[in-house]
N, C-alpha and C. Protein backbone atom coordinates (compact mmCIF):
# COMPACT_ATOMS: atom_id res chain seq x y z
N UNK A 1 -254.81 -65.87 -9.56
CA UNK A 1 -253.60 -66.33 -8.91
C UNK A 1 -252.43 -65.45 -9.36
N UNK A 2 -251.55 -65.11 -8.42
CA UNK A 2 -250.39 -64.31 -8.77
C UNK A 2 -249.12 -65.10 -8.53
N UNK A 3 -248.12 -64.79 -9.31
CA UNK A 3 -246.79 -65.35 -9.06
C UNK A 3 -245.80 -64.22 -9.23
N UNK A 4 -244.73 -64.29 -8.48
CA UNK A 4 -243.73 -63.23 -8.53
C UNK A 4 -242.61 -63.64 -9.48
N UNK A 5 -242.29 -62.75 -10.38
CA UNK A 5 -241.24 -63.01 -11.35
C UNK A 5 -240.10 -62.02 -11.13
N UNK A 6 -238.87 -62.49 -11.29
CA UNK A 6 -237.71 -61.60 -11.21
C UNK A 6 -237.55 -60.91 -12.56
N UNK A 7 -237.51 -59.59 -12.55
CA UNK A 7 -237.43 -58.80 -13.77
C UNK A 7 -236.23 -57.87 -13.70
N UNK A 8 -235.42 -57.87 -14.76
CA UNK A 8 -234.29 -56.92 -14.82
C UNK A 8 -234.87 -55.53 -15.10
N UNK A 9 -234.52 -54.56 -14.23
CA UNK A 9 -235.07 -53.23 -14.42
C UNK A 9 -234.00 -52.14 -14.52
N UNK A 10 -232.76 -52.48 -14.26
CA UNK A 10 -231.68 -51.49 -14.35
C UNK A 10 -230.35 -52.21 -14.23
N UNK A 11 -229.29 -51.45 -14.37
CA UNK A 11 -227.97 -51.96 -14.03
C UNK A 11 -227.51 -51.21 -12.78
N UNK A 12 -226.57 -51.77 -12.08
CA UNK A 12 -226.06 -51.14 -10.87
C UNK A 12 -225.52 -49.75 -11.15
N UNK A 13 -224.89 -49.57 -12.29
CA UNK A 13 -224.31 -48.27 -12.66
C UNK A 13 -225.38 -47.20 -12.90
N UNK A 14 -226.62 -47.62 -13.18
CA UNK A 14 -227.72 -46.67 -13.40
C UNK A 14 -228.15 -45.96 -12.12
N UNK A 15 -227.86 -46.55 -10.98
CA UNK A 15 -228.38 -46.04 -9.71
C UNK A 15 -227.26 -45.33 -8.95
N UNK A 16 -227.37 -44.01 -8.77
CA UNK A 16 -226.35 -43.30 -8.00
C UNK A 16 -226.36 -43.76 -6.53
N UNK A 17 -225.20 -43.81 -5.91
CA UNK A 17 -225.12 -44.22 -4.51
C UNK A 17 -225.87 -43.23 -3.62
N UNK A 18 -226.70 -43.75 -2.73
CA UNK A 18 -227.50 -42.97 -1.78
C UNK A 18 -228.51 -42.04 -2.45
N UNK A 19 -228.88 -42.34 -3.69
CA UNK A 19 -229.90 -41.58 -4.40
C UNK A 19 -230.87 -42.54 -5.06
N UNK A 20 -231.97 -42.01 -5.59
CA UNK A 20 -232.98 -42.85 -6.19
C UNK A 20 -232.99 -42.82 -7.70
N UNK A 21 -233.63 -43.84 -8.27
CA UNK A 21 -233.85 -43.93 -9.71
C UNK A 21 -235.30 -44.36 -9.91
N UNK A 22 -236.04 -43.59 -10.69
CA UNK A 22 -237.43 -43.93 -10.99
C UNK A 22 -237.47 -44.89 -12.16
N UNK A 23 -238.27 -45.97 -12.00
CA UNK A 23 -238.38 -46.99 -13.04
C UNK A 23 -239.86 -47.35 -13.19
N UNK A 24 -240.32 -47.46 -14.43
CA UNK A 24 -241.70 -47.84 -14.72
C UNK A 24 -241.70 -49.25 -15.29
N UNK A 25 -242.46 -50.16 -14.67
CA UNK A 25 -242.62 -51.52 -15.16
C UNK A 25 -244.12 -51.74 -15.35
N UNK A 26 -244.57 -51.71 -16.58
CA UNK A 26 -246.01 -51.81 -16.85
C UNK A 26 -246.73 -50.66 -16.17
N UNK A 27 -247.67 -50.97 -15.31
CA UNK A 27 -248.43 -49.96 -14.57
C UNK A 27 -247.80 -49.63 -13.21
N UNK A 28 -246.69 -50.28 -12.88
CA UNK A 28 -246.07 -50.12 -11.57
C UNK A 28 -244.91 -49.12 -11.67
N UNK A 29 -244.96 -48.07 -10.84
CA UNK A 29 -243.88 -47.09 -10.79
C UNK A 29 -243.06 -47.36 -9.53
N UNK A 30 -241.76 -47.60 -9.73
CA UNK A 30 -240.87 -48.00 -8.64
C UNK A 30 -239.78 -46.97 -8.42
N UNK A 31 -239.22 -46.99 -7.21
CA UNK A 31 -238.05 -46.19 -6.88
C UNK A 31 -236.96 -47.16 -6.42
N UNK A 32 -235.82 -47.12 -7.09
CA UNK A 32 -234.67 -47.94 -6.72
C UNK A 32 -233.66 -47.08 -5.97
N UNK A 33 -233.06 -47.67 -4.96
CA UNK A 33 -232.05 -46.96 -4.17
C UNK A 33 -230.85 -47.88 -3.99
N UNK A 34 -229.67 -47.30 -4.12
CA UNK A 34 -228.42 -48.04 -3.91
C UNK A 34 -227.76 -47.48 -2.66
N UNK A 35 -227.53 -48.36 -1.71
CA UNK A 35 -226.85 -47.98 -0.48
C UNK A 35 -225.66 -48.93 -0.34
N UNK A 36 -224.48 -48.43 -0.68
CA UNK A 36 -223.30 -49.28 -0.69
C UNK A 36 -223.45 -50.35 -1.76
N UNK A 37 -223.37 -51.60 -1.37
CA UNK A 37 -223.50 -52.71 -2.31
C UNK A 37 -224.89 -53.32 -2.30
N UNK A 38 -225.84 -52.67 -1.66
CA UNK A 38 -227.20 -53.20 -1.58
C UNK A 38 -228.16 -52.30 -2.35
N UNK A 39 -229.18 -52.92 -2.97
CA UNK A 39 -230.20 -52.19 -3.71
C UNK A 39 -231.56 -52.46 -3.07
N UNK A 40 -232.34 -51.39 -2.95
CA UNK A 40 -233.68 -51.47 -2.38
C UNK A 40 -234.68 -50.98 -3.41
N UNK A 41 -235.90 -51.50 -3.33
CA UNK A 41 -236.95 -51.10 -4.26
C UNK A 41 -238.24 -50.88 -3.48
N UNK A 42 -238.84 -49.70 -3.66
CA UNK A 42 -240.12 -49.38 -3.03
C UNK A 42 -241.03 -48.75 -4.09
N UNK A 43 -242.33 -48.71 -3.78
CA UNK A 43 -243.22 -48.00 -4.70
C UNK A 43 -242.80 -46.53 -4.71
N UNK A 44 -243.02 -45.87 -5.82
CA UNK A 44 -242.47 -44.53 -6.00
C UNK A 44 -243.41 -43.41 -5.57
N UNK A 45 -244.45 -43.70 -4.85
CA UNK A 45 -245.42 -42.67 -4.48
C UNK A 45 -245.57 -42.58 -2.97
N UNK A 46 -245.31 -41.42 -2.42
CA UNK A 46 -245.52 -41.20 -0.98
C UNK A 46 -247.03 -41.26 -0.71
N UNK A 47 -247.46 -42.01 0.30
CA UNK A 47 -248.90 -42.12 0.57
C UNK A 47 -249.53 -40.82 1.06
N UNK A 48 -248.72 -39.86 1.45
CA UNK A 48 -249.25 -38.59 1.95
C UNK A 48 -249.84 -37.74 0.82
N UNK A 49 -249.02 -37.38 -0.17
CA UNK A 49 -249.48 -36.52 -1.26
C UNK A 49 -248.98 -36.97 -2.63
N UNK A 50 -248.41 -38.17 -2.70
CA UNK A 50 -248.02 -38.72 -3.99
C UNK A 50 -246.69 -38.27 -4.54
N UNK A 51 -245.83 -37.68 -3.73
CA UNK A 51 -244.52 -37.24 -4.20
C UNK A 51 -243.69 -38.43 -4.67
N UNK A 52 -242.81 -38.18 -5.63
CA UNK A 52 -241.90 -39.21 -6.13
C UNK A 52 -240.82 -39.47 -5.09
N UNK A 53 -240.83 -40.67 -4.51
CA UNK A 53 -239.81 -41.01 -3.52
C UNK A 53 -238.43 -41.15 -4.15
N UNK A 54 -238.37 -41.43 -5.46
CA UNK A 54 -237.08 -41.53 -6.14
C UNK A 54 -236.33 -40.20 -6.09
N UNK A 55 -237.05 -39.11 -5.89
CA UNK A 55 -236.43 -37.79 -5.78
C UNK A 55 -236.02 -37.45 -4.34
N UNK A 56 -236.30 -38.35 -3.41
CA UNK A 56 -235.97 -38.11 -2.01
C UNK A 56 -234.52 -38.41 -1.68
N UNK A 57 -234.11 -38.00 -0.48
CA UNK A 57 -232.77 -38.28 0.01
C UNK A 57 -232.77 -39.58 0.80
N UNK A 58 -231.65 -40.28 0.78
CA UNK A 58 -231.48 -41.49 1.58
C UNK A 58 -230.62 -41.13 2.78
N UNK A 59 -231.11 -41.51 3.96
CA UNK A 59 -230.39 -41.23 5.19
C UNK A 59 -230.72 -42.32 6.21
N UNK A 60 -229.70 -42.93 6.77
CA UNK A 60 -229.85 -43.92 7.82
C UNK A 60 -230.86 -45.02 7.49
N UNK A 61 -230.78 -45.55 6.27
CA UNK A 61 -231.65 -46.65 5.87
C UNK A 61 -233.07 -46.27 5.52
N UNK A 62 -233.32 -44.98 5.36
CA UNK A 62 -234.65 -44.50 5.02
C UNK A 62 -234.59 -43.55 3.84
N UNK A 63 -235.70 -43.48 3.11
CA UNK A 63 -235.83 -42.45 2.07
C UNK A 63 -236.72 -41.36 2.66
N UNK A 64 -236.32 -40.12 2.43
CA UNK A 64 -237.05 -38.97 2.97
C UNK A 64 -237.82 -38.33 1.83
N UNK A 65 -239.14 -38.24 1.98
CA UNK A 65 -240.00 -37.66 0.95
C UNK A 65 -239.56 -36.22 0.67
N UNK A 66 -239.40 -35.88 -0.62
CA UNK A 66 -238.90 -34.54 -0.96
C UNK A 66 -239.91 -33.42 -0.70
N UNK A 67 -241.18 -33.73 -0.54
CA UNK A 67 -242.18 -32.68 -0.34
C UNK A 67 -242.39 -32.31 1.12
N UNK A 68 -242.58 -33.29 1.99
CA UNK A 68 -242.93 -32.98 3.37
C UNK A 68 -242.06 -33.67 4.42
N UNK A 69 -241.02 -34.37 3.98
CA UNK A 69 -240.06 -34.94 4.92
C UNK A 69 -240.46 -36.23 5.60
N UNK A 70 -241.53 -36.87 5.16
CA UNK A 70 -241.88 -38.16 5.76
C UNK A 70 -240.77 -39.15 5.43
N UNK A 71 -240.47 -40.03 6.39
CA UNK A 71 -239.36 -40.98 6.27
C UNK A 71 -239.90 -42.40 6.19
N UNK A 72 -239.39 -43.16 5.21
CA UNK A 72 -239.83 -44.54 5.00
C UNK A 72 -238.62 -45.47 4.99
N UNK A 73 -238.74 -46.58 5.72
CA UNK A 73 -237.69 -47.58 5.77
C UNK A 73 -237.51 -48.23 4.41
N UNK A 74 -236.26 -48.35 3.96
CA UNK A 74 -235.98 -49.04 2.72
C UNK A 74 -236.12 -50.56 2.88
N UNK A 75 -236.04 -51.04 4.11
CA UNK A 75 -236.15 -52.48 4.40
C UNK A 75 -237.59 -52.96 4.36
N UNK A 76 -238.51 -52.20 4.99
CA UNK A 76 -239.89 -52.70 5.12
C UNK A 76 -240.98 -51.69 4.77
N UNK A 77 -240.61 -50.47 4.38
CA UNK A 77 -241.59 -49.48 3.95
C UNK A 77 -242.28 -48.71 5.05
N UNK A 78 -242.00 -49.06 6.31
CA UNK A 78 -242.67 -48.40 7.43
C UNK A 78 -242.30 -46.93 7.52
N UNK A 79 -243.27 -46.12 7.91
CA UNK A 79 -243.04 -44.68 8.06
C UNK A 79 -242.64 -44.41 9.50
N UNK A 80 -241.44 -43.88 9.70
CA UNK A 80 -240.95 -43.63 11.06
C UNK A 80 -241.30 -42.24 11.55
N UNK A 81 -241.68 -41.33 10.66
CA UNK A 81 -241.98 -39.97 11.10
C UNK A 81 -243.41 -39.85 11.61
N UNK A 82 -244.30 -40.69 11.14
CA UNK A 82 -245.69 -40.71 11.60
C UNK A 82 -246.10 -42.17 11.76
N UNK A 83 -245.99 -42.72 12.96
CA UNK A 83 -246.22 -44.16 13.15
C UNK A 83 -247.57 -44.67 12.64
N UNK A 84 -248.59 -43.82 12.58
CA UNK A 84 -249.88 -44.30 12.12
C UNK A 84 -250.02 -44.23 10.60
N UNK A 85 -249.00 -43.71 9.92
CA UNK A 85 -249.05 -43.56 8.47
C UNK A 85 -248.98 -44.90 7.76
N UNK A 86 -249.57 -44.93 6.60
CA UNK A 86 -249.53 -46.10 5.74
C UNK A 86 -248.11 -46.32 5.22
N UNK A 87 -247.60 -47.56 5.24
CA UNK A 87 -246.26 -47.81 4.70
C UNK A 87 -246.28 -47.79 3.18
N UNK A 88 -245.11 -47.71 2.58
CA UNK A 88 -245.00 -47.88 1.14
C UNK A 88 -244.69 -49.34 0.86
N UNK A 89 -245.14 -49.82 -0.28
CA UNK A 89 -244.87 -51.21 -0.66
C UNK A 89 -243.39 -51.38 -0.98
N UNK A 90 -242.84 -52.50 -0.56
CA UNK A 90 -241.45 -52.85 -0.84
C UNK A 90 -241.42 -54.07 -1.77
N UNK A 91 -240.41 -54.13 -2.60
CA UNK A 91 -240.23 -55.24 -3.51
C UNK A 91 -238.82 -55.78 -3.32
N UNK A 92 -238.68 -57.10 -3.37
CA UNK A 92 -237.36 -57.70 -3.22
C UNK A 92 -236.50 -57.34 -4.42
N UNK A 93 -235.25 -57.00 -4.16
CA UNK A 93 -234.31 -56.65 -5.22
C UNK A 93 -233.02 -57.43 -5.00
N UNK A 94 -232.36 -57.75 -6.09
CA UNK A 94 -231.07 -58.41 -6.00
C UNK A 94 -230.20 -57.98 -7.16
N UNK A 95 -228.92 -58.23 -7.01
CA UNK A 95 -227.94 -57.87 -8.03
C UNK A 95 -227.35 -59.17 -8.59
N UNK A 96 -227.36 -59.27 -9.91
CA UNK A 96 -226.73 -60.41 -10.59
C UNK A 96 -225.84 -59.87 -11.69
N UNK A 97 -224.53 -60.02 -11.53
CA UNK A 97 -223.57 -59.55 -12.53
C UNK A 97 -223.80 -58.09 -12.92
N UNK A 98 -224.00 -57.20 -12.02
CA UNK A 98 -224.24 -55.78 -12.28
C UNK A 98 -225.65 -55.45 -12.76
N UNK A 99 -226.50 -56.45 -12.99
CA UNK A 99 -227.90 -56.22 -13.32
C UNK A 99 -228.72 -56.17 -12.04
N UNK A 100 -229.71 -55.27 -12.00
CA UNK A 100 -230.61 -55.17 -10.85
C UNK A 100 -231.92 -55.83 -11.24
N UNK A 101 -232.30 -56.84 -10.48
CA UNK A 101 -233.54 -57.56 -10.70
C UNK A 101 -234.47 -57.30 -9.53
N UNK A 102 -235.76 -57.16 -9.84
CA UNK A 102 -236.76 -56.92 -8.80
C UNK A 102 -237.85 -57.97 -8.96
N UNK A 103 -238.35 -58.46 -7.83
CA UNK A 103 -239.41 -59.46 -7.86
C UNK A 103 -240.75 -58.71 -7.84
N UNK A 104 -241.45 -58.77 -8.96
CA UNK A 104 -242.71 -58.05 -9.12
C UNK A 104 -243.83 -59.07 -9.34
N UNK A 105 -244.90 -58.97 -8.56
CA UNK A 105 -246.03 -59.89 -8.77
C UNK A 105 -246.71 -59.64 -10.12
N UNK A 106 -247.00 -60.69 -10.83
CA UNK A 106 -247.71 -60.59 -12.11
C UNK A 106 -248.96 -61.45 -12.01
N UNK A 107 -250.01 -61.00 -12.62
CA UNK A 107 -251.24 -61.80 -12.67
C UNK A 107 -251.03 -62.95 -13.64
N UNK A 108 -251.35 -64.16 -13.20
CA UNK A 108 -251.24 -65.32 -14.06
C UNK A 108 -252.57 -65.48 -14.80
N UNK A 109 -252.50 -65.64 -16.09
CA UNK A 109 -253.71 -65.73 -16.91
C UNK A 109 -254.16 -67.17 -17.06
């Protein structure tokens, strides 16, 4: 059984506007993005060749893979450049008093 826990993984000041921040939580590698007053969290690996999405550019609500230009929605992970491509996993993120919390599923023992 899994349950999702909210985990503090950064502060708002850690994330440059319209850029990514790579964060490791246990075995999960995440990419955080700040767009205005909103924060998004996706898995940090492009399904094409494994590039770090945290190193990509943010444009029009999408992160652009730094290696081959594949575009992924920050809202739902869908790839808009190749419709048949596998999406990236998205995680819910929220801001509480300048802290960035992400909901990450944990295995319940």
